[in-house]
Amino acid sequence: MVVERSEFKGNPMLVLKRNEDDKFPFSFGLTKAKMILENLEEIKKFVAENEK
């Protein structure tokens, strides 16, 4: 996993890539990062229920 910090219109962004050549990285800003942290247990539960 590659983690980079970026910026969009002056706002900080976090960019998650599977590898350095990932064509479709997952990026989000502070507001979505807070939502992820507030719902981390539900996200973990979702992964556990749907992972094969």
PDB file of N, CA and C in Angstrom:
ATOM      1  N   MET A   1       0.859  -1.177   0.000  1.00  0.00           N
ATOM      2  CA  MET A   1       0.000   0.000   0.000  1.00  0.00           C
ATOM      3  C   MET A   1       0.895   1.227   0.000  1.00  0.00           C
ATOM      4  N   VAL A   2       0.551   2.168  -0.850  1.00  0.00           N
ATOM      5  CA  VAL A   2       1.264   3.432  -0.936  1.00  0.00           C
ATOM      6  C   VAL A   2       0.322   4.522  -0.430  1.00  0.00           C
ATOM      7  N   VAL A   3       0.794   5.332   0.493  1.00  0.00           N
ATOM      8  CA  VAL A   3      -0.003   6.427   1.042  1.00  0.00           C
ATOM      9  C   VAL A   3       0.703   7.732   0.729  1.00  0.00           C
ATOM     10  N   GLU A   4      -0.026   8.653   0.114  1.00  0.00           N
ATOM     11  CA  GLU A   4       0.535   9.957  -0.234  1.00  0.00           C
ATOM     12  C   GLU A   4      -0.379  11.055   0.282  1.00  0.00           C
ATOM     13  N   ARG A   5       0.209  12.185   0.511  1.00  0.00           N
ATOM     14  CA  ARG A   5      -0.571  13.380   0.857  1.00  0.00           C
ATOM     15  C   ARG A   5      -0.584  14.280  -0.358  1.00  0.00           C
ATOM     16  N   SER A   6      -1.734  14.883  -0.600  1.00  0.00           N
ATOM     17  CA  SER A   6      -1.900  15.726  -1.775  1.00  0.00           C
ATOM     18  C   SER A   6      -2.715  16.951  -1.379  1.00  0.00           C
ATOM     19  N   GLU A   7      -3.131  17.693  -2.372  1.00  0.00           N
ATOM     20  CA  GLU A   7      -3.922  18.892  -2.136  1.00  0.00           C
ATOM     21  C   GLU A   7      -4.900  19.073  -3.292  1.00  0.00           C
ATOM     22  N   PHE A   8      -6.107  19.513  -2.978  1.00  0.00           N
ATOM     23  CA  PHE A   8      -7.107  19.807  -4.003  1.00  0.00           C
ATOM     24  C   PHE A   8      -7.769  21.132  -3.644  1.00  0.00           C
ATOM     25  N   LYS A   9      -7.604  22.099  -4.490  1.00  0.00           N
ATOM     26  CA  LYS A   9      -8.158  23.436  -4.273  1.00  0.00           C
ATOM     27  C   LYS A   9      -7.785  23.983  -2.895  1.00  0.00           C
ATOM     28  N   GLY A  10      -6.550  23.751  -2.501  1.00  0.00           N
ATOM     29  CA  GLY A  10      -6.045  24.274  -1.238  1.00  0.00           C
ATOM     30  C   GLY A  10      -6.378  23.438  -0.011  1.00  0.00           C
ATOM     31  N   ASN A  11      -7.074  22.330  -0.213  1.00  0.00           N
ATOM     32  CA  ASN A  11      -7.457  21.460   0.903  1.00  0.00           C
ATOM     33  C   ASN A  11      -6.583  20.208   0.922  1.00  0.00           C
ATOM     34  N   PRO A  12      -6.191  19.745   2.114  1.00  0.00           N
ATOM     35  CA  PRO A  12      -5.353  18.548   2.202  1.00  0.00           C
ATOM     36  C   PRO A  12      -6.136  17.300   1.806  1.00  0.00           C
ATOM     37  N   MET A  13      -5.451  16.386   1.137  1.00  0.00           N
ATOM     38  CA  MET A  13      -6.042  15.131   0.694  1.00  0.00           C
ATOM     39  C   MET A  13      -5.107  13.990   1.067  1.00  0.00           C
ATOM     40  N   LEU A  14      -5.690  12.820   1.300  1.00  0.00           N
ATOM     41  CA  LEU A  14      -4.934  11.604   1.525  1.00  0.00           C
ATOM     42  C   LEU A  14      -5.223  10.692   0.336  1.00  0.00           C
ATOM     43  N   VAL A  15      -4.177  10.128  -0.253  1.00  0.00           N
ATOM     44  CA  VAL A  15      -4.319   9.287  -1.437  1.00  0.00           C
ATOM     45  C   VAL A  15      -3.779   7.897  -1.107  1.00  0.00           C
ATOM     46  N   LEU A  16      -4.641   6.879  -1.244  1.00  0.00           N
ATOM     47  CA  LEU A  16      -4.260   5.496  -0.982  1.00  0.00           C
ATOM     48  C   LEU A  16      -4.170   4.755  -2.308  1.00  0.00           C
ATOM     49  N   LYS A  17      -3.025   4.091  -2.530  1.00  0.00           N
ATOM     50  CA  LYS A  17      -2.804   3.332  -3.761  1.00  0.00           C
ATOM     51  C   LYS A  17      -2.434   1.902  -3.407  1.00  0.00           C
ATOM     52  N   ARG A  18      -2.884   0.965  -4.213  1.00  0.00           N
ATOM     53  CA  ARG A  18      -2.511  -0.440  -4.014  1.00  0.00           C
ATOM     54  C   ARG A  18      -1.016  -0.631  -4.254  1.00  0.00           C
ATOM     55  N   ASN A  19      -0.503   0.101  -5.240  1.00  0.00           N
ATOM     56  CA  ASN A  19       0.925   0.113  -5.560  1.00  0.00           C
ATOM     57  C   ASN A  19       1.241   1.429  -6.264  1.00  0.00           C
ATOM     58  N   GLU A  20       2.486   1.651  -6.579  1.00  0.00           N
ATOM     59  CA  GLU A  20       2.909   2.923  -7.174  1.00  0.00           C
ATOM     60  C   GLU A  20       2.245   3.192  -8.527  1.00  0.00           C
ATOM     61  N   ASP A  21       1.864   2.129  -9.240  1.00  0.00           N
ATOM     62  CA  ASP A  21       1.270   2.273 -10.579  1.00  0.00           C
ATOM     63  C   ASP A  21      -0.249   2.223 -10.586  1.00  0.00           C
ATOM     64  N   ASP A  22      -0.876   2.276  -9.436  1.00  0.00           N
ATOM     65  CA  ASP A  22      -2.339   2.202  -9.334  1.00  0.00           C
ATOM     66  C   ASP A  22      -2.975   3.314 -10.159  1.00  0.00           C
ATOM     67  N   LYS A  23      -3.814   2.932 -11.124  1.00  0.00           N
ATOM     68  CA  LYS A  23      -4.464   3.912 -11.997  1.00  0.00           C
ATOM     69  C   LYS A  23      -5.698   4.543 -11.356  1.00  0.00           C
ATOM     70  N   PHE A  24      -6.241   3.881 -10.332  1.00  0.00           N
ATOM     71  CA  PHE A  24      -7.462   4.370  -9.697  1.00  0.00           C
ATOM     72  C   PHE A  24      -7.284   4.447  -8.179  1.00  0.00           C
ATOM     73  N   PRO A  25      -6.501   5.404  -7.706  1.00  0.00           N
ATOM     74  CA  PRO A  25      -6.283   5.520  -6.260  1.00  0.00           C
ATOM     75  C   PRO A  25      -7.543   5.990  -5.542  1.00  0.00           C
ATOM     76  N   PHE A  26      -7.569   5.749  -4.242  1.00  0.00           N
ATOM     77  CA  PHE A  26      -8.675   6.172  -3.379  1.00  0.00           C
ATOM     78  C   PHE A  26      -8.207   7.421  -2.652  1.00  0.00           C
ATOM     79  N   SER A  27      -8.879   8.531  -2.892  1.00  0.00           N
ATOM     80  CA  SER A  27      -8.459   9.775  -2.255  1.00  0.00           C
ATOM     81  C   SER A  27      -9.632  10.427  -1.542  1.00  0.00           C
ATOM     82  N   PHE A  28      -9.316  11.094  -0.427  1.00  0.00           N
ATOM     83  CA  PHE A  28     -10.353  11.746   0.353  1.00  0.00           C
ATOM     84  C   PHE A  28      -9.732  12.859   1.188  1.00  0.00           C
ATOM     85  N   GLY A  29     -10.591  13.774   1.590  1.00  0.00           N
ATOM     86  CA  GLY A  29     -10.153  14.913   2.381  1.00  0.00           C
ATOM     87  C   GLY A  29     -10.505  14.754   3.852  1.00  0.00           C
ATOM     88  N   LEU A  30     -10.367  15.826   4.561  1.00  0.00           N
ATOM     89  CA  LEU A  30     -10.549  15.817   6.012  1.00  0.00           C
ATOM     90  C   LEU A  30     -11.969  15.441   6.437  1.00  0.00           C
ATOM     91  N   THR A  31     -12.970  15.951   5.766  1.00  0.00           N
ATOM     92  CA  THR A  31     -14.357  15.654   6.136  1.00  0.00           C
ATOM     93  C   THR A  31     -14.650  14.160   6.014  1.00  0.00           C
ATOM     94  N   LYS A  32     -14.256  13.557   4.901  1.00  0.00           N
ATOM     95  CA  LYS A  32     -14.490  12.119   4.725  1.00  0.00           C
ATOM     96  C   LYS A  32     -13.604  11.304   5.660  1.00  0.00           C
ATOM     97  N   ALA A  33     -12.403  11.769   5.935  1.00  0.00           N
ATOM     98  CA  ALA A  33     -11.522  11.071   6.875  1.00  0.00           C
ATOM     99  C   ALA A  33     -12.182  11.005   8.253  1.00  0.00           C
ATOM    100  N   LYS A  34     -12.791  12.096   8.678  1.00  0.00           N
ATOM    101  CA  LYS A  34     -13.492  12.108   9.967  1.00  0.00           C
ATOM    102  C   LYS A  34     -14.668  11.138   9.959  1.00  0.00           C
ATOM    103  N   MET A  35     -15.411  11.083   8.838  1.00  0.00           N
ATOM    104  CA  MET A  35     -16.540  10.154   8.733  1.00  0.00           C
ATOM    105  C   MET A  35     -16.059   8.713   8.824  1.00  0.00           C
ATOM    106  N   ILE A  36     -14.931   8.415   8.172  1.00  0.00           N
ATOM    107  CA  ILE A  36     -14.362   7.071   8.226  1.00  0.00           C
ATOM    108  C   ILE A  36     -13.999   6.718   9.659  1.00  0.00           C
ATOM    109  N   LEU A  37     -13.320   7.612  10.352  1.00  0.00           N
ATOM    110  CA  LEU A  37     -12.914   7.348  11.738  1.00  0.00           C
ATOM    111  C   LEU A  37     -14.115   7.163  12.651  1.00  0.00           C
ATOM    112  N   GLU A  38     -15.168   7.955  12.459  1.00  0.00           N
ATOM    113  CA  GLU A  38     -16.365   7.856  13.293  1.00  0.00           C
ATOM    114  C   GLU A  38     -17.122   6.551  13.055  1.00  0.00           C
ATOM    115  N   ASN A  39     -16.905   5.926  11.903  1.00  0.00           N
ATOM    116  CA  ASN A  39     -17.646   4.724  11.544  1.00  0.00           C
ATOM    117  C   ASN A  39     -16.741   3.524  11.301  1.00  0.00           C
ATOM    118  N   LEU A  40     -15.550   3.557  11.859  1.00  0.00           N
ATOM    119  CA  LEU A  40     -14.560   2.513  11.629  1.00  0.00           C
ATOM    120  C   LEU A  40     -15.062   1.125  12.012  1.00  0.00           C
ATOM    121  N   GLU A  41     -15.778   1.005  13.118  1.00  0.00           N
ATOM    122  CA  GLU A  41     -16.281  -0.303  13.536  1.00  0.00           C
ATOM    123  C   GLU A  41     -17.296  -0.853  12.533  1.00  0.00           C
ATOM    124  N   GLU A  42     -18.156  -0.013  11.998  1.00  0.00           N
ATOM    125  CA  GLU A  42     -19.121  -0.460  10.986  1.00  0.00           C
ATOM    126  C   GLU A  42     -18.410  -0.870   9.705  1.00  0.00           C
ATOM    127  N   ILE A  43     -17.353  -0.169   9.348  1.00  0.00           N
ATOM    128  CA  ILE A  43     -16.570  -0.518   8.162  1.00  0.00           C
ATOM    129  C   ILE A  43     -15.907  -1.875   8.362  1.00  0.00           C
ATOM    130  N   LYS A  44     -15.334  -2.102   9.541  1.00  0.00           N
ATOM    131  CA  LYS A  44     -14.717  -3.389   9.849  1.00  0.00           C
ATOM    132  C   LYS A  44     -15.753  -4.503   9.793  1.00  0.00           C
ATOM    133  N   LYS A  45     -16.937  -4.258  10.331  1.00  0.00           N
ATOM    134  CA  LYS A  45     -18.009  -5.243  10.320  1.00  0.00           C
ATOM    135  C   LYS A  45     -18.432  -5.550   8.877  1.00  0.00           C
ATOM    136  N   PHE A  46     -18.567  -4.537   8.058  1.00  0.00           N
ATOM    137  CA  PHE A  46     -18.921  -4.696   6.653  1.00  0.00           C
ATOM    138  C   PHE A  46     -17.906  -5.577   5.920  1.00  0.00           C
ATOM    139  N   VAL A  47     -16.626  -5.314   6.139  1.00  0.00           N
ATOM    140  CA  VAL A  47     -15.573  -6.095   5.495  1.00  0.00           C
ATOM    141  C   VAL A  47     -15.645  -7.547   5.955  1.00  0.00           C
ATOM    142  N   ALA A  48     -15.780  -7.755   7.245  1.00  0.00           N
ATOM    143  CA  ALA A  48     -15.829  -9.114   7.791  1.00  0.00           C
ATOM    144  C   ALA A  48     -17.017  -9.898   7.236  1.00  0.00           C
ATOM    145  N   GLU A  49     -18.151  -9.245   7.101  1.00  0.00           N
ATOM    146  CA  GLU A  49     -19.359  -9.915   6.604  1.00  0.00           C
ATOM    147  C   GLU A  49     -19.298 -10.223   5.109  1.00  0.00           C
ATOM    148  N   ASN A  50     -18.527  -9.442   4.366  1.00  0.00           N
ATOM    149  CA  ASN A  50     -18.538  -9.569   2.908  1.00  0.00           C
ATOM    150  C   ASN A  50     -17.252 -10.093   2.303  1.00  0.00           C
ATOM    151  N   GLU A  51     -16.240 -10.280   3.123  1.00  0.00           N
ATOM    152  CA  GLU A  51     -14.967 -10.786   2.625  1.00  0.00           C
ATOM    153  C   GLU A  51     -15.060 -12.285   2.377  1.00  0.00           C
ATOM    154  N   LYS A  52     -14.500 -12.723   1.278  1.00  0.00           N
ATOM    155  CA  LYS A  52     -14.549 -14.158   0.950  1.00  0.00           C
ATOM    156  C   LYS A  52     -13.190 -14.777   1.051  1.00  0.00           C
TER     157      LYS A  52
END
